[in-house]
């Protein structure tokens, strides 16, 4: 005999997922940026839509269908082919915006890919996070610092739509335009950061430091010298000749623990921070060298 409590658990899970889709659907729009192939978009600010760059064939008078069925016009505010992200500026404002998840995605986590590919309404696909990877070279010649893979089915028109958790919060943006034959999700922290740069400047500046690194545990005595809780840093195992890192004085064996005034503990974090306003500017880099904390100023180069 089946346990009635099992049915209650499944019903509660089913209801929670339906509520999550409804919540996220309020911040998911339809983007008519190309003929016959609508896509989706995420309202990440009241007057800004984040979508996939490859779904846009025009830059002005882009029809955007809102969750309430009304239509509003948008113009392209900025695009980044390398990460397949684009930001649209609306001719008005929306009452509801998508909420970024407070926790990063985890492998095995239950997720939903959603989209609004037709005027009929929201669509959803269930799966789990199957892998977290990066950096990965994209087919437009870019380098995506981090990505998520899921087994949720990417239905036509889902590009530009959100990957959400069971609370309806955004974990990433889905796109089929990064690599051949695969749909990936760009983590929300990275997508939001690139979107801010696109909204401000219309493009993304990416920096170049010229190091190879790997995570390493920080010994307890050195942790105390940081005056903050931080257990890992980046051990430099290679410094390119004539690179900004060499010119600034970074050396193999240094452990980078901070960058531009913020703690740094993962290679992906370094790649993410090497964007925007730091490019071309002298930037403080905190390192542990011979067990001693030092601050070295490095002028960040521009990635070609």
C-alpha atoms as a PDB file:
ATOM      1  CA  UNK A   1       0.000   0.000   0.000  1.00  0.00           C
ATOM      2  CA  UNK A   2       1.170   3.501  -0.736  1.00  0.00           C
ATOM      3  CA  UNK A   3       1.801   5.862   2.108  1.00  0.00           C
ATOM      4  CA  UNK A   4      -0.638   8.845   2.053  1.00  0.00           C
ATOM      5  CA  UNK A   5       2.210  11.014   3.331  1.00  0.00           C
ATOM      6  CA  UNK A   6       4.179  10.243   0.136  1.00  0.00           C
ATOM      7  CA  UNK A   7       1.318  11.646  -1.935  1.00  0.00           C
ATOM      8  CA  UNK A   8       1.209  14.730   0.276  1.00  0.00           C
ATOM      9  CA  UNK A   9       4.948  15.244  -0.204  1.00  0.00           C
ATOM     10  CA  UNK A  10       4.671  14.958  -3.984  1.00  0.00           C
ATOM     11  CA  UNK A  11       1.689  17.279  -4.044  1.00  0.00           C
ATOM     12  CA  UNK A  12       3.542  19.845  -1.947  1.00  0.00           C
ATOM     13  CA  UNK A  13       6.554  19.625  -4.283  1.00  0.00           C
ATOM     14  CA  UNK A  14       4.335  19.932  -7.336  1.00  0.00           C
ATOM     15  CA  UNK A  15       2.563  22.955  -5.882  1.00  0.00           C
ATOM     16  CA  UNK A  16       5.882  24.563  -4.966  1.00  0.00           C
ATOM     17  CA  UNK A  17       7.199  24.179  -8.508  1.00  0.00           C
ATOM     18  CA  UNK A  18       3.990  25.572  -9.998  1.00  0.00           C
ATOM     19  CA  UNK A  19       4.239  28.551  -7.638  1.00  0.00           C
ATOM     20  CA  UNK A  20       7.891  29.028  -8.608  1.00  0.00           C
ATOM     21  CA  UNK A  21       7.003  29.164 -12.303  1.00  0.00           C
ATOM     22  CA  UNK A  22       4.194  31.615 -11.596  1.00  0.00           C
ATOM     23  CA  UNK A  23       6.542  33.828  -9.574  1.00  0.00           C
ATOM     24  CA  UNK A  24       9.327  33.821 -12.160  1.00  0.00           C
ATOM     25  CA  UNK A  25       6.835  34.187 -14.987  1.00  0.00           C
ATOM     26  CA  UNK A  26       5.951  37.667 -13.763  1.00  0.00           C
ATOM     27  CA  UNK A  27       9.467  38.767 -14.694  1.00  0.00           C
ATOM     28  CA  UNK A  28       9.758  36.790 -17.954  1.00  0.00           C
ATOM     29  CA  UNK A  29       8.807  38.409 -21.260  1.00  0.00           C
ATOM     30  CA  UNK A  30       8.592  37.489 -24.946  1.00  0.00           C
ATOM     31  CA  UNK A  31      11.150  39.201 -27.188  1.00  0.00           C
ATOM     32  CA  UNK A  32      10.343  39.544 -30.882  1.00  0.00           C
ATOM     33  CA  UNK A  33      13.840  40.372 -32.055  1.00  0.00           C
ATOM     34  CA  UNK A  34      13.882  38.233 -35.213  1.00  0.00           C
ATOM     35  CA  UNK A  35      11.404  37.056 -37.815  1.00  0.00           C
ATOM     36  CA  UNK A  36       9.232  34.030 -36.998  1.00  0.00           C
ATOM     37  CA  UNK A  37      11.393  32.992 -34.050  1.00  0.00           C
ATOM     38  CA  UNK A  38      10.415  34.765 -30.813  1.00  0.00           C
ATOM     39  CA  UNK A  39      12.588  34.270 -27.757  1.00  0.00           C
ATOM     40  CA  UNK A  40      12.401  35.061 -24.063  1.00  0.00           C
ATOM     41  CA  UNK A  41      13.818  37.755 -21.830  1.00  0.00           C
ATOM     42  CA  UNK A  42      14.277  38.499 -18.135  1.00  0.00           C
ATOM     43  CA  UNK A  43      13.134  41.770 -16.575  1.00  0.00           C
ATOM     44  CA  UNK A  44      16.140  42.351 -14.330  1.00  0.00           C
ATOM     45  CA  UNK A  45      15.261  46.034 -13.786  1.00  0.00           C
ATOM     46  CA  UNK A  46      11.947  47.929 -14.214  1.00  0.00           C
ATOM     47  CA  UNK A  47      12.988  49.301 -17.622  1.00  0.00           C
ATOM     48  CA  UNK A  48      15.646  46.784 -18.715  1.00  0.00           C
ATOM     49  CA  UNK A  49      15.375  43.315 -20.249  1.00  0.00           C
ATOM     50  CA  UNK A  50      18.207  40.795 -20.316  1.00  0.00           C
ATOM     51  CA  UNK A  51      18.056  38.400 -23.260  1.00  0.00           C
ATOM     52  CA  UNK A  52      20.282  36.365 -25.573  1.00  0.00           C
ATOM     53  CA  UNK A  53      22.264  38.310 -28.140  1.00  0.00           C
ATOM     54  CA  UNK A  54      21.770  35.756 -30.913  1.00  0.00           C
ATOM     55  CA  UNK A  55      17.971  36.210 -30.912  1.00  0.00           C
ATOM     56  CA  UNK A  56      18.224  39.875 -31.947  1.00  0.00           C
ATOM     57  CA  UNK A  57      18.331  40.817 -35.625  1.00  0.00           C
ATOM     58  CA  UNK A  58      17.399  44.454 -35.071  1.00  0.00           C
ATOM     59  CA  UNK A  59      18.351  47.188 -32.659  1.00  0.00           C
ATOM     60  CA  UNK A  60      15.275  49.440 -32.573  1.00  0.00           C
ATOM     61  CA  UNK A  61      11.508  49.046 -32.323  1.00  0.00           C
ATOM     62  CA  UNK A  62      11.826  45.569 -30.823  1.00  0.00           C
ATOM     63  CA  UNK A  63       8.369  44.356 -29.709  1.00  0.00           C
ATOM     64  CA  UNK A  64       8.344  42.945 -26.173  1.00  0.00           C
ATOM     65  CA  UNK A  65       5.253  41.085 -24.959  1.00  0.00           C
ATOM     66  CA  UNK A  66       4.702  41.530 -21.231  1.00  0.00           C
ATOM     67  CA  UNK A  67       3.232  38.959 -18.815  1.00  0.00           C
ATOM     68  CA  UNK A  68      -0.116  40.786 -18.748  1.00  0.00           C
ATOM     69  CA  UNK A  69      -0.446  40.422 -22.517  1.00  0.00           C
ATOM     70  CA  UNK A  70       0.342  44.039 -23.370  1.00  0.00           C
ATOM     71  CA  UNK A  71       3.140  44.990 -25.748  1.00  0.00           C
ATOM     72  CA  UNK A  72       5.860  47.573 -25.359  1.00  0.00           C
ATOM     73  CA  UNK A  73       8.688  48.691 -27.637  1.00  0.00           C
ATOM     74  CA  UNK A  74      12.364  48.343 -26.746  1.00  0.00           C
ATOM     75  CA  UNK A  75      15.710  49.418 -28.164  1.00  0.00           C
ATOM     76  CA  UNK A  76      19.075  47.732 -27.856  1.00  0.00           C
ATOM     77  CA  UNK A  77      21.088  49.196 -24.973  1.00  0.00           C
ATOM     78  CA  UNK A  78      24.111  46.959 -25.409  1.00  0.00           C
ATOM     79  CA  UNK A  79      25.254  43.555 -26.568  1.00  0.00           C
ATOM     80  CA  UNK A  80      28.132  41.180 -25.898  1.00  0.00           C
ATOM     81  CA  UNK A  81      28.421  38.446 -28.559  1.00  0.00           C
ATOM     82  CA  UNK A  82      31.152  36.678 -26.592  1.00  0.00           C
ATOM     83  CA  UNK A  83      28.792  35.848 -23.726  1.00  0.00           C
ATOM     84  CA  UNK A  84      25.633  35.901 -25.889  1.00  0.00           C
ATOM     85  CA  UNK A  85      24.040  38.521 -23.640  1.00  0.00           C
ATOM     86  CA  UNK A  86      22.131  41.630 -24.657  1.00  0.00           C
ATOM     87  CA  UNK A  87      20.197  44.298 -22.780  1.00  0.00           C
ATOM     88  CA  UNK A  88      17.071  46.016 -24.070  1.00  0.00           C
ATOM     89  CA  UNK A  89      15.825  49.388 -22.872  1.00  0.00           C
ATOM     90  CA  UNK A  90      12.038  49.536 -22.574  1.00  0.00           C
ATOM     91  CA  UNK A  91       9.930  52.529 -23.541  1.00  0.00           C
ATOM     92  CA  UNK A  92       8.182  52.165 -20.173  1.00  0.00           C
ATOM     93  CA  UNK A  93       8.534  50.332 -16.868  1.00  0.00           C
ATOM     94  CA  UNK A  94       7.399  47.008 -15.469  1.00  0.00           C
ATOM     95  CA  UNK A  95       5.729  46.487 -12.078  1.00  0.00           C
ATOM     96  CA  UNK A  96       7.608  43.241 -11.345  1.00  0.00           C
ATOM     97  CA  UNK A  97      11.249  42.297 -11.893  1.00  0.00           C
ATOM     98  CA  UNK A  98      13.010  38.962 -11.543  1.00  0.00           C
ATOM     99  CA  UNK A  99      14.802  38.199  -8.304  1.00  0.00           C
ATOM    100  CA  UNK A 100      18.290  36.723  -8.308  1.00  0.00           C
ATOM    101  CA  UNK A 101      18.808  33.664  -6.131  1.00  0.00           C
ATOM    102  CA  UNK A 102      20.750  34.345  -2.953  1.00  0.00           C
ATOM    103  CA  UNK A 103      22.634  31.026  -3.206  1.00  0.00           C
ATOM    104  CA  UNK A 104      24.717  29.790  -6.126  1.00  0.00           C
ATOM    105  CA  UNK A 105      23.502  26.759  -8.051  1.00  0.00           C
ATOM    106  CA  UNK A 106      24.681  23.338  -6.869  1.00  0.00           C
ATOM    107  CA  UNK A 107      25.164  20.137  -8.821  1.00  0.00           C
ATOM    108  CA  UNK A 108      22.095  17.944  -8.350  1.00  0.00           C
ATOM    109  CA  UNK A 109      19.862  20.883  -7.463  1.00  0.00           C
ATOM    110  CA  UNK A 110      16.316  20.734  -8.790  1.00  0.00           C
ATOM    111  CA  UNK A 111      15.744  23.543 -11.315  1.00  0.00           C
ATOM    112  CA  UNK A 112      13.244  24.766 -13.877  1.00  0.00           C
ATOM    113  CA  UNK A 113      14.012  26.316 -17.235  1.00  0.00           C
ATOM    114  CA  UNK A 114      11.214  28.656 -18.227  1.00  0.00           C
ATOM    115  CA  UNK A 115      10.427  30.777 -21.225  1.00  0.00           C
ATOM    116  CA  UNK A 116       7.703  32.809 -22.866  1.00  0.00           C
ATOM    117  CA  UNK A 117       8.157  31.813 -26.515  1.00  0.00           C
ATOM    118  CA  UNK A 118       4.543  32.376 -27.588  1.00  0.00           C
ATOM    119  CA  UNK A 119       1.722  34.769 -26.676  1.00  0.00           C
ATOM    120  CA  UNK A 120      -0.105  31.816 -25.097  1.00  0.00           C
ATOM    121  CA  UNK A 121       1.964  32.161 -21.954  1.00  0.00           C
ATOM    122  CA  UNK A 122       4.773  30.752 -19.910  1.00  0.00           C
ATOM    123  CA  UNK A 123       6.337  27.331 -20.516  1.00  0.00           C
ATOM    124  CA  UNK A 124       8.528  25.279 -18.208  1.00  0.00           C
ATOM    125  CA  UNK A 125      10.918  22.339 -18.234  1.00  0.00           C
ATOM    126  CA  UNK A 126      12.121  20.425 -15.169  1.00  0.00           C
ATOM    127  CA  UNK A 127      15.630  19.137 -14.536  1.00  0.00           C
ATOM    128  CA  UNK A 128      18.659  19.211 -12.275  1.00  0.00           C
ATOM    129  CA  UNK A 129      21.966  21.018 -12.466  1.00  0.00           C
ATOM    130  CA  UNK A 130      24.183  18.361 -14.023  1.00  0.00           C
ATOM    131  CA  UNK A 131      27.482  20.265 -14.214  1.00  0.00           C
ATOM    132  CA  UNK A 132      29.114  23.569 -13.339  1.00  0.00           C
ATOM    133  CA  UNK A 133      32.085  24.530 -15.475  1.00  0.00           C
ATOM    134  CA  UNK A 134      34.166  27.231 -17.073  1.00  0.00           C
ATOM    135  CA  UNK A 135      35.894  29.039 -18.464  1.00  0.00           C
ATOM    136  CA  UNK A 136      34.674  27.945 -21.897  1.00  0.00           C
ATOM    137  CA  UNK A 137      35.442  29.437 -25.300  1.00  0.00           C
ATOM    138  CA  UNK A 138      32.254  30.405 -27.091  1.00  0.00           C
ATOM    139  CA  UNK A 139      31.581  30.127 -30.805  1.00  0.00           C
ATOM    140  CA  UNK A 140      31.682  33.918 -31.173  1.00  0.00           C
ATOM    141  CA  UNK A 141      35.287  34.008 -29.990  1.00  0.00           C
ATOM    142  CA  UNK A 142      34.474  34.943 -26.412  1.00  0.00           C
ATOM    143  CA  UNK A 143      35.455  33.376 -23.127  1.00  0.00           C
ATOM    144  CA  UNK A 144      32.620  32.663 -20.716  1.00  0.00           C
ATOM    145  CA  UNK A 145      33.968  32.629 -17.187  1.00  0.00           C
ATOM    146  CA  UNK A 146      31.394  30.213 -15.787  1.00  0.00           C
ATOM    147  CA  UNK A 147      28.395  28.211 -16.977  1.00  0.00           C
ATOM    148  CA  UNK A 148      25.772  25.753 -15.799  1.00  0.00           C
ATOM    149  CA  UNK A 149      24.555  22.618 -17.549  1.00  0.00           C
ATOM    150  CA  UNK A 150      21.178  21.088 -16.803  1.00  0.00           C
ATOM    151  CA  UNK A 151      19.095  18.261 -18.197  1.00  0.00           C
ATOM    152  CA  UNK A 152      16.042  20.524 -18.456  1.00  0.00           C
ATOM    153  CA  UNK A 153      14.815  20.494 -22.074  1.00  0.00           C
ATOM    154  CA  UNK A 154      15.583  23.800 -23.848  1.00  0.00           C
ATOM    155  CA  UNK A 155      12.410  24.168 -25.887  1.00  0.00           C
ATOM    156  CA  UNK A 156      12.428  26.526 -28.895  1.00  0.00           C
ATOM    157  CA  UNK A 157      12.192  30.118 -27.719  1.00  0.00           C
ATOM    158  CA  UNK A 158      13.676  29.441 -24.281  1.00  0.00           C
ATOM    159  CA  UNK A 159      16.912  31.302 -25.075  1.00  0.00           C
ATOM    160  CA  UNK A 160      16.995  34.468 -22.998  1.00  0.00           C
ATOM    161  CA  UNK A 161      14.700  33.002 -20.358  1.00  0.00           C
ATOM    162  CA  UNK A 162      15.624  32.217 -16.770  1.00  0.00           C
ATOM    163  CA  UNK A 163      16.782  29.087 -15.031  1.00  0.00           C
ATOM    164  CA  UNK A 164      15.079  29.185 -11.639  1.00  0.00           C
ATOM    165  CA  UNK A 165      15.124  27.387  -8.310  1.00  0.00           C
ATOM    166  CA  UNK A 166      12.079  26.007  -6.537  1.00  0.00           C
ATOM    167  CA  UNK A 167      11.412  29.410  -4.967  1.00  0.00           C
ATOM    168  CA  UNK A 168      11.139  31.073  -8.374  1.00  0.00           C
ATOM    169  CA  UNK A 169      14.428  32.944  -8.027  1.00  0.00           C
ATOM    170  CA  UNK A 170      16.807  33.231 -10.960  1.00  0.00           C
ATOM    171  CA  UNK A 171      19.895  31.007 -11.016  1.00  0.00           C
ATOM    172  CA  UNK A 172      20.928  31.878 -14.558  1.00  0.00           C
ATOM    173  CA  UNK A 173      19.923  32.797 -18.106  1.00  0.00           C
ATOM    174  CA  UNK A 174      19.440  30.015 -20.657  1.00  0.00           C
ATOM    175  CA  UNK A 175      20.891  30.198 -24.149  1.00  0.00           C
ATOM    176  CA  UNK A 176      21.621  27.894 -27.073  1.00  0.00           C
ATOM    177  CA  UNK A 177      23.880  30.487 -28.700  1.00  0.00           C
ATOM    178  CA  UNK A 178      27.162  29.879 -26.867  1.00  0.00           C
ATOM    179  CA  UNK A 179      28.348  26.500 -28.145  1.00  0.00           C
ATOM    180  CA  UNK A 180      27.350  24.280 -31.027  1.00  0.00           C
ATOM    181  CA  UNK A 181      24.710  21.696 -30.169  1.00  0.00           C
ATOM    182  CA  UNK A 182      24.345  22.531 -26.480  1.00  0.00           C
ATOM    183  CA  UNK A 183      22.223  24.764 -24.313  1.00  0.00           C
ATOM    184  CA  UNK A 184      23.931  26.374 -21.332  1.00  0.00           C
ATOM    185  CA  UNK A 185      22.905  28.687 -18.545  1.00  0.00           C
ATOM    186  CA  UNK A 186      24.954  31.737 -17.597  1.00  0.00           C
ATOM    187  CA  UNK A 187      25.037  32.036 -13.781  1.00  0.00           C
ATOM    188  CA  UNK A 188      22.975  34.947 -12.532  1.00  0.00           C
ATOM    189  CA  UNK A 189      25.848  36.707 -10.745  1.00  0.00           C
ATOM    190  CA  UNK A 190      27.855  36.799 -13.983  1.00  0.00           C
ATOM    191  CA  UNK A 191      24.828  37.611 -16.168  1.00  0.00           C
ATOM    192  CA  UNK A 192      23.753  40.500 -13.905  1.00  0.00           C
ATOM    193  CA  UNK A 193      27.302  41.890 -13.842  1.00  0.00           C
ATOM    194  CA  UNK A 194      27.610  41.830 -17.633  1.00  0.00           C
ATOM    195  CA  UNK A 195      24.114  43.299 -17.960  1.00  0.00           C
ATOM    196  CA  UNK A 196      25.082  46.258 -15.779  1.00  0.00           C
ATOM    197  CA  UNK A 197      28.092  46.941 -17.994  1.00  0.00           C
ATOM    198  CA  UNK A 198      25.968  46.669 -21.138  1.00  0.00           C
ATOM    199  CA  UNK A 199      23.331  49.015 -19.747  1.00  0.00           C
ATOM    200  CA  UNK A 200      25.996  51.575 -18.798  1.00  0.00           C
ATOM    201  CA  UNK A 201      28.471  51.349 -21.652  1.00  0.00           C
ATOM    202  CA  UNK A 202      26.834  49.305 -24.404  1.00  0.00           C
ATOM    203  CA  UNK A 203      29.673  46.765 -24.337  1.00  0.00           C
ATOM    204  CA  UNK A 204      31.904  44.819 -21.958  1.00  0.00           C
ATOM    205  CA  UNK A 205      35.564  45.556 -21.326  1.00  0.00           C
ATOM    206  CA  UNK A 206      37.496  42.409 -20.455  1.00  0.00           C
ATOM    207  CA  UNK A 207      40.858  42.506 -18.773  1.00  0.00           C
ATOM    208  CA  UNK A 208      44.042  40.475 -19.060  1.00  0.00           C
ATOM    209  CA  UNK A 209      46.395  39.723 -16.189  1.00  0.00           C
ATOM    210  CA  UNK A 210      48.600  36.956 -17.602  1.00  0.00           C
ATOM    211  CA  UNK A 211      48.685  34.353 -14.839  1.00  0.00           C
ATOM    212  CA  UNK A 212      47.897  30.698 -14.313  1.00  0.00           C
ATOM    213  CA  UNK A 213      46.569  29.870 -10.878  1.00  0.00           C
ATOM    214  CA  UNK A 214      45.012  27.184  -8.744  1.00  0.00           C
ATOM    215  CA  UNK A 215      43.127  27.289  -5.439  1.00  0.00           C
ATOM    216  CA  UNK A 216      45.209  26.642  -2.348  1.00  0.00           C
ATOM    217  CA  UNK A 217      44.525  26.534   1.382  1.00  0.00           C
ATOM    218  CA  UNK A 218      45.861  29.478   3.372  1.00  0.00           C
ATOM    219  CA  UNK A 219      47.794  28.411   6.510  1.00  0.00           C
ATOM    220  CA  UNK A 220      46.213  29.515   9.780  1.00  0.00           C
ATOM    221  CA  UNK A 221      48.900  32.077  10.716  1.00  0.00           C
ATOM    222  CA  UNK A 222      48.458  33.818   7.361  1.00  0.00           C
ATOM    223  CA  UNK A 223      44.661  33.704   7.705  1.00  0.00           C
ATOM    224  CA  UNK A 224      45.008  35.763  10.875  1.00  0.00           C
ATOM    225  CA  UNK A 225      47.042  38.403   9.042  1.00  0.00           C
ATOM    226  CA  UNK A 226      44.180  38.945   6.575  1.00  0.00           C
ATOM    227  CA  UNK A 227      41.937  40.253   9.350  1.00  0.00           C
ATOM    228  CA  UNK A 228      38.946  38.552   7.695  1.00  0.00           C
ATOM    229  CA  UNK A 229      37.615  35.000   7.390  1.00  0.00           C
ATOM    230  CA  UNK A 230      39.216  33.482   4.256  1.00  0.00           C
ATOM    231  CA  UNK A 231      40.478  29.926   3.966  1.00  0.00           C
ATOM    232  CA  UNK A 232      41.653  29.775   0.338  1.00  0.00           C
ATOM    233  CA  UNK A 233      43.516  31.911  -2.176  1.00  0.00           C
ATOM    234  CA  UNK A 234      44.995  31.584  -5.661  1.00  0.00           C
ATOM    235  CA  UNK A 235      48.501  30.143  -5.936  1.00  0.00           C
ATOM    236  CA  UNK A 236      50.271  31.512  -9.004  1.00  0.00           C
ATOM    237  CA  UNK A 237      51.799  28.599 -10.940  1.00  0.00           C
ATOM    238  CA  UNK A 238      52.624  30.645 -14.033  1.00  0.00           C
ATOM    239  CA  UNK A 239      53.243  34.281 -14.966  1.00  0.00           C
ATOM    240  CA  UNK A 240      53.414  35.147 -18.675  1.00  0.00           C
ATOM    241  CA  UNK A 241      56.353  37.139 -19.965  1.00  0.00           C
ATOM    242  CA  UNK A 242      55.669  40.789 -20.812  1.00  0.00           C
ATOM    243  CA  UNK A 243      52.227  40.467 -19.187  1.00  0.00           C
ATOM    244  CA  UNK A 244      50.602  43.003 -16.844  1.00  0.00           C
ATOM    245  CA  UNK A 245      51.244  40.569 -13.992  1.00  0.00           C
ATOM    246  CA  UNK A 246      54.989  40.450 -14.690  1.00  0.00           C
ATOM    247  CA  UNK A 247      55.184  44.208 -15.195  1.00  0.00           C
ATOM    248  CA  UNK A 248      53.421  44.735 -11.868  1.00  0.00           C
ATOM    249  CA  UNK A 249      55.752  42.423  -9.990  1.00  0.00           C
ATOM    250  CA  UNK A 250      53.631  39.303  -9.434  1.00  0.00           C
ATOM    251  CA  UNK A 251      55.698  36.123  -9.132  1.00  0.00           C
ATOM    252  CA  UNK A 252      55.219  32.375  -9.314  1.00  0.00           C
ATOM    253  CA  UNK A 253      54.544  31.201  -5.767  1.00  0.00           C
ATOM    254  CA  UNK A 254      52.551  34.278  -4.773  1.00  0.00           C
ATOM    255  CA  UNK A 255      49.125  33.565  -3.316  1.00  0.00           C
ATOM    256  CA  UNK A 256      46.557  36.120  -4.440  1.00  0.00           C
ATOM    257  CA  UNK A 257      44.054  36.701  -1.647  1.00  0.00           C
ATOM    258  CA  UNK A 258      42.469  39.986  -2.717  1.00  0.00           C
ATOM    259  CA  UNK A 259      41.754  41.955  -5.871  1.00  0.00           C
ATOM    260  CA  UNK A 260      40.550  45.538  -6.156  1.00  0.00           C
ATOM    261  CA  UNK A 261      39.723  45.691  -2.465  1.00  0.00           C
ATOM    262  CA  UNK A 262      37.728  42.438  -2.268  1.00  0.00           C
ATOM    263  CA  UNK A 263      38.713  38.918  -1.150  1.00  0.00           C
ATOM    264  CA  UNK A 264      39.605  36.457  -3.911  1.00  0.00           C
ATOM    265  CA  UNK A 265      39.628  32.688  -3.481  1.00  0.00           C
ATOM    266  CA  UNK A 266      38.649  31.040  -6.802  1.00  0.00           C
ATOM    267  CA  UNK A 267      40.025  31.298 -10.387  1.00  0.00           C
ATOM    268  CA  UNK A 268      36.501  31.967 -11.654  1.00  0.00           C
ATOM    269  CA  UNK A 269      36.244  34.932  -9.312  1.00  0.00           C
ATOM    270  CA  UNK A 270      39.407  36.417 -10.803  1.00  0.00           C
ATOM    271  CA  UNK A 271      38.072  36.036 -14.352  1.00  0.00           C
ATOM    272  CA  UNK A 272      34.825  37.663 -13.322  1.00  0.00           C
ATOM    273  CA  UNK A 273      36.584  40.603 -11.674  1.00  0.00           C
ATOM    274  CA  UNK A 274      38.769  41.252 -14.733  1.00  0.00           C
ATOM    275  CA  UNK A 275      35.976  43.174 -16.431  1.00  0.00           C
ATOM    276  CA  UNK A 276      34.596  46.667 -16.549  1.00  0.00           C
ATOM    277  CA  UNK A 277      36.276  49.631 -14.925  1.00  0.00           C
ATOM    278  CA  UNK A 278      39.458  47.841 -13.810  1.00  0.00           C
ATOM    279  CA  UNK A 279      40.617  47.396 -17.417  1.00  0.00           C
ATOM    280  CA  UNK A 280      43.499  49.753 -18.139  1.00  0.00           C
ATOM    281  CA  UNK A 281      43.684  51.001 -14.565  1.00  0.00           C
ATOM    282  CA  UNK A 282      46.188  50.469 -11.740  1.00  0.00           C
ATOM    283  CA  UNK A 283      44.527  47.929  -9.461  1.00  0.00           C
ATOM    284  CA  UNK A 284      45.594  46.778  -5.988  1.00  0.00           C
ATOM    285  CA  UNK A 285      46.289  43.046  -5.705  1.00  0.00           C
ATOM    286  CA  UNK A 286      46.777  41.503  -2.240  1.00  0.00           C
ATOM    287  CA  UNK A 287      49.243  38.602  -2.141  1.00  0.00           C
ATOM    288  CA  UNK A 288      50.857  36.383   0.432  1.00  0.00           C
ATOM    289  CA  UNK A 289      54.579  36.202  -0.372  1.00  0.00           C
ATOM    290  CA  UNK A 290      56.863  34.284   1.946  1.00  0.00           C
ATOM    291  CA  UNK A 291      54.026  34.210   4.458  1.00  0.00           C
ATOM    292  CA  UNK A 292      53.752  38.007   4.529  1.00  0.00           C
ATOM    293  CA  UNK A 293      50.787  39.998   3.248  1.00  0.00           C
ATOM    294  CA  UNK A 294      51.723  42.527   0.562  1.00  0.00           C
ATOM    295  CA  UNK A 295      49.766  44.828  -1.738  1.00  0.00           C
ATOM    296  CA  UNK A 296      51.013  45.088  -5.307  1.00  0.00           C
ATOM    297  CA  UNK A 297      49.605  47.503  -7.893  1.00  0.00           C
ATOM    298  CA  UNK A 298      49.039  46.022 -11.340  1.00  0.00           C
ATOM    299  CA  UNK A 299      47.748  47.877 -14.383  1.00  0.00           C
ATOM    300  CA  UNK A 300      45.229  45.516 -15.931  1.00  0.00           C
ATOM    301  CA  UNK A 301      45.633  44.949 -19.665  1.00  0.00           C
ATOM    302  CA  UNK A 302      42.849  44.603 -22.218  1.00  0.00           C
ATOM    303  CA  UNK A 303      42.065  41.145 -23.525  1.00  0.00           C
ATOM    304  CA  UNK A 304      42.315  40.947 -27.292  1.00  0.00           C
END
